[in-house]
Amino acid sequence: MKNLDSALVSQWGRDWRNETVVYVTNWTPYQYRLIKQLSPHYVIFDCVDDVLSFPYAWNRDEVVNAWRGLAQLSSLTLAVSLTLRDQMESQLNRPVVLSPNGVDAELFIKPQPEVPPCLERKGGRIRVGFAGTLNHWIDFEAMLSIVETFPEVTLFLIGREGQMGNDQHVQSYRRLLEHNNVCYLGGVPYDELPGYLQALDVLLLPRIPSNASTSSNPLKLFEYLAVGKPIVVSGVPITSDANRLVYATNEQLSFQDAFGNALAEGRDPSISVVRDRQAYAMKHTWRQRVNSALSLIKHQ
């Protein structure tokens, strides 16, 4: 902290504060002390999750006080969902702007020339996949129900293992890994991820209903939409304009039933639906998110 200012001056010049936007999320509340000492002119404080509802050892009062300090320093405070926006406005006592997540749409839309060898189709089996961190908010029971109900399916799990939930949740994960029709691939380089998703027939986004899920706006949904494949979603809110593009569970529709509908599309793909999903993703790129935030700062 003592040397960072001089390091920034040597790299960017003495006027760096007028030319730089500092970006910080609510996952790093203790950056407040560093940012306060640096005194940048422009700060974006982005609330990306209901952090305090996660099973981590946070000191709630310390975190909220740090958030309030960041919000006071910020030129713009954002939140990824309506629920989280309302919650953070209450905690911070200041306006928060809704700004959902985005996607590098062109990266995921661009056709990949080769199918990753580990996803080569064998015996005409249906390839289904999940890509993301495997942790406490993922509904492993829902995915297990798919491989047990649809024996023609091979489920590929793509992503690192994170912090799990309770013992029951850990047991569900282990049972899923032990199933004959489940293949755990681990993490893959991000620029290779589009090739994996494009090789799958159906994409899964099963989250356990919780405060964290209700407040979320999963990055993965935008990446899935950019690929264009049928998507099965549970446990997270879906905006009305995206609802027609996914197969979301509800009180009348189970995860298995939603998957069955997605599987029917996967067997008989619709080019127009694929294009609708990709067009939606193109309207929600990171470039658009950044430009919108910068515009709000400029017009303060």
C-alpha atoms as a PDB file:
ATOM      1  CA  MET A   1       0.000   0.000   0.000  1.00  0.00           C
ATOM      2  CA  LYS A   2       2.857   2.350   0.831  1.00  0.00           C
ATOM      3  CA  ASN A   3       4.572   1.904  -2.529  1.00  0.00           C
ATOM      4  CA  LEU A   4       1.633   1.335  -4.861  1.00  0.00           C
ATOM      5  CA  ASP A   5       0.956   5.006  -5.562  1.00  0.00           C
ATOM      6  CA  SER A   6       4.540   5.666  -6.638  1.00  0.00           C
ATOM      7  CA  ALA A   7       4.486   2.490  -8.733  1.00  0.00           C
ATOM      8  CA  LEU A   8       1.322   3.639 -10.529  1.00  0.00           C
ATOM      9  CA  VAL A   9       2.798   7.090 -11.112  1.00  0.00           C
ATOM     10  CA  SER A  10       5.937   5.574 -12.642  1.00  0.00           C
ATOM     11  CA  GLN A  11       3.854   3.311 -14.913  1.00  0.00           C
ATOM     12  CA  TRP A  12       0.932   5.559 -15.861  1.00  0.00           C
ATOM     13  CA  GLY A  13       2.081   9.094 -15.030  1.00  0.00           C
ATOM     14  CA  ARG A  14       1.078  11.534 -12.304  1.00  0.00           C
ATOM     15  CA  ASP A  15      -2.332  12.108 -13.878  1.00  0.00           C
ATOM     16  CA  TRP A  16      -3.403   8.457 -13.602  1.00  0.00           C
ATOM     17  CA  ARG A  17      -6.281   9.314 -11.250  1.00  0.00           C
ATOM     18  CA  ASN A  18      -7.990  11.330 -13.982  1.00  0.00           C
ATOM     19  CA  GLU A  19      -7.585   8.589 -16.592  1.00  0.00           C
ATOM     20  CA  THR A  20      -8.273   5.364 -14.680  1.00  0.00           C
ATOM     21  CA  VAL A  21     -11.399   3.639 -13.433  1.00  0.00           C
ATOM     22  CA  VAL A  22     -10.838   1.379 -10.414  1.00  0.00           C
ATOM     23  CA  TYR A  23     -13.196  -1.618 -10.391  1.00  0.00           C
ATOM     24  CA  VAL A  24     -13.951  -3.593  -7.227  1.00  0.00           C
ATOM     25  CA  THR A  25     -16.652  -6.127  -6.346  1.00  0.00           C
ATOM     26  CA  ASN A  26     -18.401  -6.873  -3.087  1.00  0.00           C
ATOM     27  CA  TRP A  27     -16.358 -10.086  -2.850  1.00  0.00           C
ATOM     28  CA  THR A  28     -13.330  -7.994  -1.836  1.00  0.00           C
ATOM     29  CA  PRO A  29     -14.631  -5.622   0.864  1.00  0.00           C
ATOM     30  CA  TYR A  30     -11.249  -5.133   2.490  1.00  0.00           C
ATOM     31  CA  GLN A  31      -9.933  -3.451  -0.655  1.00  0.00           C
ATOM     32  CA  TYR A  32     -11.638  -0.422   0.862  1.00  0.00           C
ATOM     33  CA  ARG A  33      -8.534   0.538   2.857  1.00  0.00           C
ATOM     34  CA  LEU A  34      -6.268   0.339  -0.183  1.00  0.00           C
ATOM     35  CA  ILE A  35      -8.621   2.278  -2.455  1.00  0.00           C
ATOM     36  CA  LYS A  36      -9.192   4.954   0.169  1.00  0.00           C
ATOM     37  CA  GLN A  37      -5.447   5.496   0.478  1.00  0.00           C
ATOM     38  CA  LEU A  38      -4.992   5.688  -3.300  1.00  0.00           C
ATOM     39  CA  SER A  39      -7.890   8.204  -3.600  1.00  0.00           C
ATOM     40  CA  PRO A  40      -8.770   7.515  -7.254  1.00  0.00           C
ATOM     41  CA  HIS A  41     -11.267   9.860  -8.882  1.00  0.00           C
ATOM     42  CA  TYR A  42     -13.334   7.095 -10.467  1.00  0.00           C
ATOM     43  CA  VAL A  43     -14.406   3.895  -8.712  1.00  0.00           C
ATOM     44  CA  ILE A  44     -16.990   1.309  -9.794  1.00  0.00           C
ATOM     45  CA  PHE A  45     -18.306  -0.826  -6.928  1.00  0.00           C
ATOM     46  CA  ASP A  46     -20.028  -3.866  -8.426  1.00  0.00           C
ATOM     47  CA  CYS A  47     -22.289  -6.089  -6.277  1.00  0.00           C
ATOM     48  CA  VAL A  48     -22.170  -9.442  -8.039  1.00  0.00           C
ATOM     49  CA  ASP A  49     -23.494 -11.869  -5.379  1.00  0.00           C
ATOM     50  CA  ASP A  50     -25.370 -11.990  -2.099  1.00  0.00           C
ATOM     51  CA  VAL A  51     -22.013 -12.640  -0.471  1.00  0.00           C
ATOM     52  CA  LEU A  52     -23.224 -12.821   3.114  1.00  0.00           C
ATOM     53  CA  SER A  53     -25.587 -15.704   2.335  1.00  0.00           C
ATOM     54  CA  PHE A  54     -22.682 -17.948   1.291  1.00  0.00           C
ATOM     55  CA  PRO A  55     -21.315 -20.453   3.850  1.00  0.00           C
ATOM     56  CA  TYR A  56     -18.113 -18.531   4.471  1.00  0.00           C
ATOM     57  CA  ALA A  57     -16.695 -17.121   7.711  1.00  0.00           C
ATOM     58  CA  TRP A  58     -17.523 -13.468   7.114  1.00  0.00           C
ATOM     59  CA  ASN A  59     -17.786 -10.926   9.927  1.00  0.00           C
ATOM     60  CA  ARG A  60     -21.056  -9.375   8.803  1.00  0.00           C
ATOM     61  CA  ASP A  61     -20.645  -6.010  10.526  1.00  0.00           C
ATOM     62  CA  GLU A  62     -17.096  -5.560   9.243  1.00  0.00           C
ATOM     63  CA  VAL A  63     -18.088  -6.505   5.703  1.00  0.00           C
ATOM     64  CA  VAL A  64     -21.114  -4.198   5.581  1.00  0.00           C
ATOM     65  CA  ASN A  65     -19.076  -1.297   7.000  1.00  0.00           C
ATOM     66  CA  ALA A  66     -16.388  -1.888   4.356  1.00  0.00           C
ATOM     67  CA  TRP A  67     -19.059  -2.000   1.645  1.00  0.00           C
ATOM     68  CA  ARG A  68     -20.455   1.304   2.844  1.00  0.00           C
ATOM     69  CA  GLY A  69     -16.988   2.793   2.686  1.00  0.00           C
ATOM     70  CA  LEU A  70     -16.519   1.506  -0.876  1.00  0.00           C
ATOM     71  CA  ALA A  71     -19.931   2.840  -1.872  1.00  0.00           C
ATOM     72  CA  GLN A  72     -19.047   6.284  -0.500  1.00  0.00           C
ATOM     73  CA  LEU A  73     -15.813   6.270  -2.514  1.00  0.00           C
ATOM     74  CA  SER A  74     -17.471   4.997  -5.674  1.00  0.00           C
ATOM     75  CA  SER A  75     -18.540   7.000  -8.683  1.00  0.00           C
ATOM     76  CA  LEU A  76     -21.045   4.279  -9.508  1.00  0.00           C
ATOM     77  CA  THR A  77     -22.491   1.356  -7.550  1.00  0.00           C
ATOM     78  CA  LEU A  78     -23.906  -1.575  -9.535  1.00  0.00           C
ATOM     79  CA  ALA A  79     -25.781  -4.813  -8.822  1.00  0.00           C
ATOM     80  CA  VAL A  80     -26.364  -7.764 -11.136  1.00  0.00           C
ATOM     81  CA  SER A  81     -30.004  -8.488 -10.228  1.00  0.00           C
ATOM     82  CA  LEU A  82     -33.103  -6.643  -9.052  1.00  0.00           C
ATOM     83  CA  THR A  83     -33.174  -8.581  -5.794  1.00  0.00           C
ATOM     84  CA  LEU A  84     -29.539  -7.812  -5.048  1.00  0.00           C
ATOM     85  CA  ARG A  85     -29.971  -4.181  -6.065  1.00  0.00           C
ATOM     86  CA  ASP A  86     -32.802  -3.687  -3.575  1.00  0.00           C
ATOM     87  CA  GLN A  87     -30.867  -5.493  -0.857  1.00  0.00           C
ATOM     88  CA  MET A  88     -27.689  -3.457  -1.380  1.00  0.00           C
ATOM     89  CA  GLU A  89     -29.586  -0.170  -1.539  1.00  0.00           C
ATOM     90  CA  SER A  90     -30.973  -0.996   1.888  1.00  0.00           C
ATOM     91  CA  GLN A  91     -27.550  -1.893   3.288  1.00  0.00           C
ATOM     92  CA  LEU A  92     -25.633   0.962   1.687  1.00  0.00           C
ATOM     93  CA  ASN A  93     -28.269   3.696   2.026  1.00  0.00           C
ATOM     94  CA  ARG A  94     -27.577   4.939  -1.488  1.00  0.00           C
ATOM     95  CA  PRO A  95     -28.815   4.320  -5.061  1.00  0.00           C
ATOM     96  CA  VAL A  96     -27.590   1.199  -6.844  1.00  0.00           C
ATOM     97  CA  VAL A  97     -27.850   0.745 -10.622  1.00  0.00           C
ATOM     98  CA  LEU A  98     -28.983  -2.563 -12.121  1.00  0.00           C
ATOM     99  CA  SER A  99     -26.262  -3.973 -14.403  1.00  0.00           C
ATOM    100  CA  PRO A 100     -26.539  -7.710 -15.176  1.00  0.00           C
ATOM    101  CA  ASN A 101     -23.554  -9.830 -16.095  1.00  0.00           C
ATOM    102  CA  GLY A 102     -22.408 -10.187 -19.679  1.00  0.00           C
ATOM    103  CA  VAL A 103     -20.490 -12.405 -22.052  1.00  0.00           C
ATOM    104  CA  ASP A 104     -17.731 -12.362 -24.642  1.00  0.00           C
ATOM    105  CA  ALA A 105     -20.397 -13.361 -27.137  1.00  0.00           C
ATOM    106  CA  GLU A 106     -18.197 -13.512 -30.224  1.00  0.00           C
ATOM    107  CA  LEU A 107     -15.857 -15.984 -28.519  1.00  0.00           C
ATOM    108  CA  PHE A 108     -18.700 -18.407 -27.745  1.00  0.00           C
ATOM    109  CA  ILE A 109     -20.584 -17.935 -31.020  1.00  0.00           C
ATOM    110  CA  LYS A 110     -17.584 -18.525 -33.290  1.00  0.00           C
ATOM    111  CA  PRO A 111     -17.732 -22.148 -34.519  1.00  0.00           C
ATOM    112  CA  GLN A 112     -14.873 -24.293 -33.259  1.00  0.00           C
ATOM    113  CA  PRO A 113     -13.270 -26.517 -35.895  1.00  0.00           C
ATOM    114  CA  GLU A 114     -12.773 -29.619 -33.774  1.00  0.00           C
ATOM    115  CA  VAL A 115     -14.619 -31.524 -31.056  1.00  0.00           C
ATOM    116  CA  PRO A 116     -12.418 -32.018 -27.967  1.00  0.00           C
ATOM    117  CA  PRO A 117     -11.293 -35.689 -28.013  1.00  0.00           C
ATOM    118  CA  CYS A 118     -12.808 -36.351 -24.573  1.00  0.00           C
ATOM    119  CA  LEU A 119     -16.233 -35.432 -25.989  1.00  0.00           C
ATOM    120  CA  GLU A 120     -16.139 -37.656 -29.053  1.00  0.00           C
ATOM    121  CA  ARG A 121     -19.564 -39.247 -29.445  1.00  0.00           C
ATOM    122  CA  LYS A 122     -19.637 -42.961 -28.739  1.00  0.00           C
ATOM    123  CA  GLY A 123     -22.478 -45.266 -29.674  1.00  0.00           C
ATOM    124  CA  GLY A 124     -24.870 -42.434 -30.506  1.00  0.00           C
ATOM    125  CA  ARG A 125     -25.096 -41.300 -26.865  1.00  0.00           C
ATOM    126  CA  ILE A 126     -26.564 -37.892 -25.984  1.00  0.00           C
ATOM    127  CA  ARG A 127     -23.930 -35.479 -24.639  1.00  0.00           C
ATOM    128  CA  VAL A 128     -25.117 -33.275 -21.792  1.00  0.00           C
ATOM    129  CA  GLY A 129     -22.942 -30.909 -19.821  1.00  0.00           C
ATOM    130  CA  PHE A 130     -22.460 -28.480 -16.983  1.00  0.00           C
ATOM    131  CA  ALA A 131     -19.628 -25.941 -16.999  1.00  0.00           C
ATOM    132  CA  GLY A 132     -18.735 -23.956 -13.895  1.00  0.00           C
ATOM    133  CA  THR A 133     -17.432 -24.285 -10.364  1.00  0.00           C
ATOM    134  CA  LEU A 134     -18.793 -27.375  -8.639  1.00  0.00           C
ATOM    135  CA  ASN A 135     -19.724 -26.105  -5.198  1.00  0.00           C
ATOM    136  CA  HIS A 136     -22.409 -25.559  -2.580  1.00  0.00           C
ATOM    137  CA  TRP A 137     -24.978 -23.870  -4.844  1.00  0.00           C
ATOM    138  CA  ILE A 138     -25.055 -26.598  -7.530  1.00  0.00           C
ATOM    139  CA  ASP A 139     -27.972 -29.047  -7.410  1.00  0.00           C
ATOM    140  CA  PHE A 140     -26.172 -32.369  -7.831  1.00  0.00           C
ATOM    141  CA  GLU A 141     -29.369 -34.296  -7.090  1.00  0.00           C
ATOM    142  CA  ALA A 142     -31.008 -32.712 -10.128  1.00  0.00           C
ATOM    143  CA  MET A 143     -28.139 -33.789 -12.372  1.00  0.00           C
ATOM    144  CA  LEU A 144     -28.155 -37.254 -10.835  1.00  0.00           C
ATOM    145  CA  SER A 145     -31.850 -37.552 -11.653  1.00  0.00           C
ATOM    146  CA  ILE A 146     -31.044 -36.896 -15.317  1.00  0.00           C
ATOM    147  CA  VAL A 147     -28.505 -39.693 -15.727  1.00  0.00           C
ATOM    148  CA  GLU A 148     -30.772 -42.076 -13.808  1.00  0.00           C
ATOM    149  CA  THR A 149     -33.920 -41.190 -15.775  1.00  0.00           C
ATOM    150  CA  PHE A 150     -32.301 -40.940 -19.208  1.00  0.00           C
ATOM    151  CA  PRO A 151     -29.851 -43.859 -19.625  1.00  0.00           C
ATOM    152  CA  GLU A 152     -28.935 -42.730 -23.153  1.00  0.00           C
ATOM    153  CA  VAL A 153     -27.262 -39.610 -21.699  1.00  0.00           C
ATOM    154  CA  THR A 154     -23.607 -39.051 -20.833  1.00  0.00           C
ATOM    155  CA  LEU A 155     -23.135 -36.124 -18.450  1.00  0.00           C
ATOM    156  CA  PHE A 156     -19.880 -34.149 -18.637  1.00  0.00           C
ATOM    157  CA  LEU A 157     -18.878 -31.973 -15.675  1.00  0.00           C
ATOM    158  CA  ILE A 158     -16.511 -29.172 -16.677  1.00  0.00           C
ATOM    159  CA  GLY A 159     -14.959 -27.015 -13.974  1.00  0.00           C
ATOM    160  CA  ARG A 160     -12.949 -27.034 -10.795  1.00  0.00           C
ATOM    161  CA  GLU A 161     -14.222 -28.259  -7.467  1.00  0.00           C
ATOM    162  CA  GLY A 162     -15.021 -25.481  -5.001  1.00  0.00           C
ATOM    163  CA  GLN A 163     -16.321 -25.364  -1.459  1.00  0.00           C
ATOM    164  CA  MET A 164     -19.133 -27.821  -0.909  1.00  0.00           C
ATOM    165  CA  GLY A 165     -22.157 -27.534   1.360  1.00  0.00           C
ATOM    166  CA  ASN A 166     -23.229 -29.888   4.130  1.00  0.00           C
ATOM    167  CA  ASP A 167     -22.476 -33.618   4.339  1.00  0.00           C
ATOM    168  CA  GLN A 168     -25.626 -34.502   2.415  1.00  0.00           C
ATOM    169  CA  HIS A 169     -24.569 -32.215  -0.418  1.00  0.00           C
ATOM    170  CA  VAL A 170     -21.099 -33.785  -0.498  1.00  0.00           C
ATOM    171  CA  GLN A 171     -22.645 -37.252  -0.642  1.00  0.00           C
ATOM    172  CA  SER A 172     -24.837 -36.208  -3.583  1.00  0.00           C
ATOM    173  CA  TYR A 173     -21.746 -34.987  -5.415  1.00  0.00           C
ATOM    174  CA  ARG A 174     -19.882 -38.237  -4.778  1.00  0.00           C
ATOM    175  CA  ARG A 175     -22.817 -40.337  -5.987  1.00  0.00           C
ATOM    176  CA  LEU A 176     -22.936 -38.252  -9.137  1.00  0.00           C
ATOM    177  CA  LEU A 177     -19.225 -38.771  -9.831  1.00  0.00           C
ATOM    178  CA  GLU A 178     -19.542 -42.517  -9.258  1.00  0.00           C
ATOM    179  CA  HIS A 179     -22.316 -42.930 -11.832  1.00  0.00           C
ATOM    180  CA  ASN A 180     -21.259 -44.860 -14.939  1.00  0.00           C
ATOM    181  CA  ASN A 181     -22.687 -42.215 -17.270  1.00  0.00           C
ATOM    182  CA  VAL A 182     -20.915 -39.239 -15.660  1.00  0.00           C
ATOM    183  CA  CYS A 183     -17.508 -37.973 -16.763  1.00  0.00           C
ATOM    184  CA  TYR A 184     -15.633 -35.341 -14.738  1.00  0.00           C
ATOM    185  CA  LEU A 185     -13.298 -33.343 -17.003  1.00  0.00           C
ATOM    186  CA  GLY A 186     -12.012 -30.792 -14.496  1.00  0.00           C
ATOM    187  CA  GLY A 187     -11.236 -27.222 -15.472  1.00  0.00           C
ATOM    188  CA  VAL A 188     -10.402 -26.231 -19.041  1.00  0.00           C
ATOM    189  CA  PRO A 189      -8.738 -23.045 -20.377  1.00  0.00           C
ATOM    190  CA  TYR A 190     -11.354 -20.349 -20.870  1.00  0.00           C
ATOM    191  CA  ASP A 191     -10.601 -19.814 -24.555  1.00  0.00           C
ATOM    192  CA  GLU A 192     -11.213 -23.546 -25.115  1.00  0.00           C
ATOM    193  CA  LEU A 193     -14.527 -23.620 -23.241  1.00  0.00           C
ATOM    194  CA  PRO A 194     -16.671 -22.616 -26.286  1.00  0.00           C
ATOM    195  CA  GLY A 195     -15.481 -25.739 -28.126  1.00  0.00           C
ATOM    196  CA  TYR A 196     -16.624 -27.936 -25.247  1.00  0.00           C
ATOM    197  CA  LEU A 197     -20.039 -26.279 -24.980  1.00  0.00           C
ATOM    198  CA  GLN A 198     -20.607 -26.385 -28.736  1.00  0.00           C
ATOM    199  CA  ALA A 199     -19.952 -30.141 -28.747  1.00  0.00           C
ATOM    200  CA  LEU A 200     -22.730 -30.814 -26.225  1.00  0.00           C
ATOM    201  CA  ASP A 201     -26.395 -31.455 -27.061  1.00  0.00           C
ATOM    202  CA  VAL A 202     -27.983 -29.963 -23.914  1.00  0.00           C
ATOM    203  CA  LEU A 203     -26.522 -27.587 -21.305  1.00  0.00           C
ATOM    204  CA  LEU A 204     -27.460 -27.636 -17.611  1.00  0.00           C
ATOM    205  CA  LEU A 205     -27.622 -24.838 -15.037  1.00  0.00           C
ATOM    206  CA  PRO A 206     -29.099 -26.438 -11.892  1.00  0.00           C
ATOM    207  CA  ARG A 207     -28.808 -24.334  -8.742  1.00  0.00           C
ATOM    208  CA  ILE A 208     -30.214 -25.044  -5.314  1.00  0.00           C
ATOM    209  CA  PRO A 209     -32.954 -22.507  -4.421  1.00  0.00           C
ATOM    210  CA  SER A 210     -31.519 -20.119  -1.822  1.00  0.00           C
ATOM    211  CA  ASN A 211     -31.037 -16.424  -1.097  1.00  0.00           C
ATOM    212  CA  ALA A 212     -27.755 -16.579  -3.017  1.00  0.00           C
ATOM    213  CA  SER A 213     -29.471 -18.100  -6.058  1.00  0.00           C
ATOM    214  CA  THR A 214     -32.405 -15.658  -5.953  1.00  0.00           C
ATOM    215  CA  SER A 215     -29.970 -12.723  -5.953  1.00  0.00           C
ATOM    216  CA  SER A 216     -27.745 -14.146  -8.677  1.00  0.00           C
ATOM    217  CA  ASN A 217     -27.338 -13.499 -12.372  1.00  0.00           C
ATOM    218  CA  PRO A 218     -25.159 -16.416 -13.533  1.00  0.00           C
ATOM    219  CA  LEU A 219     -22.425 -15.694 -16.048  1.00  0.00           C
ATOM    220  CA  LYS A 220     -22.901 -19.210 -17.326  1.00  0.00           C
ATOM    221  CA  LEU A 221     -26.388 -18.479 -18.630  1.00  0.00           C
ATOM    222  CA  PHE A 222     -25.047 -15.826 -21.029  1.00  0.00           C
ATOM    223  CA  GLU A 223     -22.258 -18.136 -22.217  1.00  0.00           C
ATOM    224  CA  TYR A 224     -24.753 -20.935 -22.789  1.00  0.00           C
ATOM    225  CA  LEU A 225     -27.046 -18.605 -24.739  1.00  0.00           C
ATOM    226  CA  ALA A 226     -24.153 -17.500 -26.953  1.00  0.00           C
ATOM    227  CA  VAL A 227     -23.501 -21.142 -27.857  1.00  0.00           C
ATOM    228  CA  GLY A 228     -27.164 -21.493 -28.825  1.00  0.00           C
ATOM    229  CA  LYS A 229     -27.812 -24.986 -27.470  1.00  0.00           C
ATOM    230  CA  PRO A 230     -30.930 -25.901 -25.415  1.00  0.00           C
ATOM    231  CA  ILE A 231     -30.506 -24.948 -21.758  1.00  0.00           C
ATOM    232  CA  VAL A 232     -32.174 -26.381 -18.655  1.00  0.00           C
ATOM    233  CA  VAL A 233     -32.266 -23.959 -15.712  1.00  0.00           C
ATOM    234  CA  SER A 234     -33.436 -24.279 -12.129  1.00  0.00           C
ATOM    235  CA  GLY A 235     -33.090 -22.290  -8.932  1.00  0.00           C
ATOM    236  CA  VAL A 236     -32.274 -18.893 -10.459  1.00  0.00           C
ATOM    237  CA  PRO A 237     -34.519 -16.062 -11.657  1.00  0.00           C
ATOM    238  CA  ILE A 238     -34.896 -15.764 -15.422  1.00  0.00           C
ATOM    239  CA  THR A 239     -35.886 -12.423 -16.917  1.00  0.00           C
ATOM    240  CA  SER A 240     -39.009 -12.367 -19.062  1.00  0.00           C
ATOM    241  CA  ASP A 241     -37.076 -11.649 -22.251  1.00  0.00           C
ATOM    242  CA  ALA A 242     -34.824 -14.687 -21.704  1.00  0.00           C
ATOM    243  CA  ASN A 243     -37.484 -17.078 -20.426  1.00  0.00           C
ATOM    244  CA  ARG A 244     -38.578 -18.153 -23.904  1.00  0.00           C
ATOM    245  CA  LEU A 245     -34.962 -19.088 -24.741  1.00  0.00           C
ATOM    246  CA  VAL A 246     -34.448 -21.612 -21.927  1.00  0.00           C
ATOM    247  CA  TYR A 247     -36.221 -24.558 -20.348  1.00  0.00           C
ATOM    248  CA  ALA A 248     -36.782 -23.355 -16.793  1.00  0.00           C
ATOM    249  CA  THR A 249     -38.348 -25.379 -14.012  1.00  0.00           C
ATOM    250  CA  ASN A 250     -41.378 -24.129 -12.130  1.00  0.00           C
ATOM    251  CA  GLU A 251     -44.015 -25.420  -9.726  1.00  0.00           C
ATOM    252  CA  GLN A 252     -45.617 -27.481 -12.496  1.00  0.00           C
ATOM    253  CA  LEU A 253     -42.454 -28.534 -14.350  1.00  0.00           C
ATOM    254  CA  SER A 254     -39.776 -30.700 -12.749  1.00  0.00           C
ATOM    255  CA  PHE A 255     -36.119 -30.670 -13.747  1.00  0.00           C
ATOM    256  CA  GLN A 256     -36.565 -34.017 -15.486  1.00  0.00           C
ATOM    257  CA  ASP A 257     -39.568 -32.730 -17.456  1.00  0.00           C
ATOM    258  CA  ALA A 258     -37.730 -29.542 -18.442  1.00  0.00           C
ATOM    259  CA  PHE A 259     -34.775 -31.669 -19.517  1.00  0.00           C
ATOM    260  CA  GLY A 260     -37.066 -33.892 -21.579  1.00  0.00           C
ATOM    261  CA  ASN A 261     -38.285 -30.820 -23.466  1.00  0.00           C
ATOM    262  CA  ALA A 262     -34.722 -29.625 -24.024  1.00  0.00           C
ATOM    263  CA  LEU A 263     -33.683 -33.083 -25.174  1.00  0.00           C
ATOM    264  CA  ALA A 264     -36.447 -33.071 -27.781  1.00  0.00           C
ATOM    265  CA  GLU A 265     -35.017 -29.842 -29.184  1.00  0.00           C
ATOM    266  CA  GLY A 266     -31.494 -31.264 -29.036  1.00  0.00           C
ATOM    267  CA  ARG A 267     -32.573 -34.174 -31.207  1.00  0.00           C
ATOM    268  CA  ASP A 268     -34.252 -31.847 -33.708  1.00  0.00           C
ATOM    269  CA  PRO A 269     -32.436 -28.490 -33.465  1.00  0.00           C
ATOM    270  CA  SER A 270     -34.118 -25.302 -34.628  1.00  0.00           C
ATOM    271  CA  ILE A 271     -31.811 -22.869 -36.430  1.00  0.00           C
ATOM    272  CA  SER A 272     -34.139 -19.962 -35.638  1.00  0.00           C
ATOM    273  CA  VAL A 273     -34.063 -20.705 -31.897  1.00  0.00           C
ATOM    274  CA  VAL A 274     -30.264 -20.988 -31.959  1.00  0.00           C
ATOM    275  CA  ARG A 275     -30.060 -17.609 -33.664  1.00  0.00           C
ATOM    276  CA  ASP A 276     -32.480 -16.066 -31.155  1.00  0.00           C
ATOM    277  CA  ARG A 277     -30.291 -17.212 -28.267  1.00  0.00           C
ATOM    278  CA  GLN A 278     -27.151 -15.902 -29.890  1.00  0.00           C
ATOM    279  CA  ALA A 279     -28.822 -12.602 -30.763  1.00  0.00           C
ATOM    280  CA  TYR A 280     -29.774 -12.239 -27.091  1.00  0.00           C
ATOM    281  CA  ALA A 281     -26.173 -12.856 -26.060  1.00  0.00           C
ATOM    282  CA  MET A 282     -24.960 -10.232 -28.535  1.00  0.00           C
ATOM    283  CA  LYS A 283     -27.133  -7.681 -26.737  1.00  0.00           C
ATOM    284  CA  HIS A 284     -25.464  -8.495 -23.413  1.00  0.00           C
ATOM    285  CA  THR A 285     -21.740  -8.274 -24.070  1.00  0.00           C
ATOM    286  CA  TRP A 286     -19.095  -7.104 -21.630  1.00  0.00           C
ATOM    287  CA  ARG A 287     -18.234  -4.254 -23.996  1.00  0.00           C
ATOM    288  CA  GLN A 288     -21.819  -2.973 -23.736  1.00  0.00           C
ATOM    289  CA  ARG A 289     -21.719  -3.294 -19.938  1.00  0.00           C
ATOM    290  CA  VAL A 290     -18.482  -1.326 -19.716  1.00  0.00           C
ATOM    291  CA  ASN A 291     -19.651   1.381 -22.113  1.00  0.00           C
ATOM    292  CA  SER A 292     -22.899   1.766 -20.183  1.00  0.00           C
ATOM    293  CA  ALA A 293     -21.034   2.141 -16.876  1.00  0.00           C
ATOM    294  CA  LEU A 294     -18.591   4.675 -18.308  1.00  0.00           C
ATOM    295  CA  SER A 295     -21.469   6.650 -19.786  1.00  0.00           C
ATOM    296  CA  LEU A 296     -23.156   6.830 -16.386  1.00  0.00           C
ATOM    297  CA  ILE A 297     -19.941   8.077 -14.802  1.00  0.00           C
ATOM    298  CA  LYS A 298     -19.445  10.752 -17.468  1.00  0.00           C
ATOM    299  CA  HIS A 299     -22.984  12.094 -17.052  1.00  0.00           C
ATOM    300  CA  GLN A 300     -22.953  12.381 -13.277  1.00  0.00           C
END
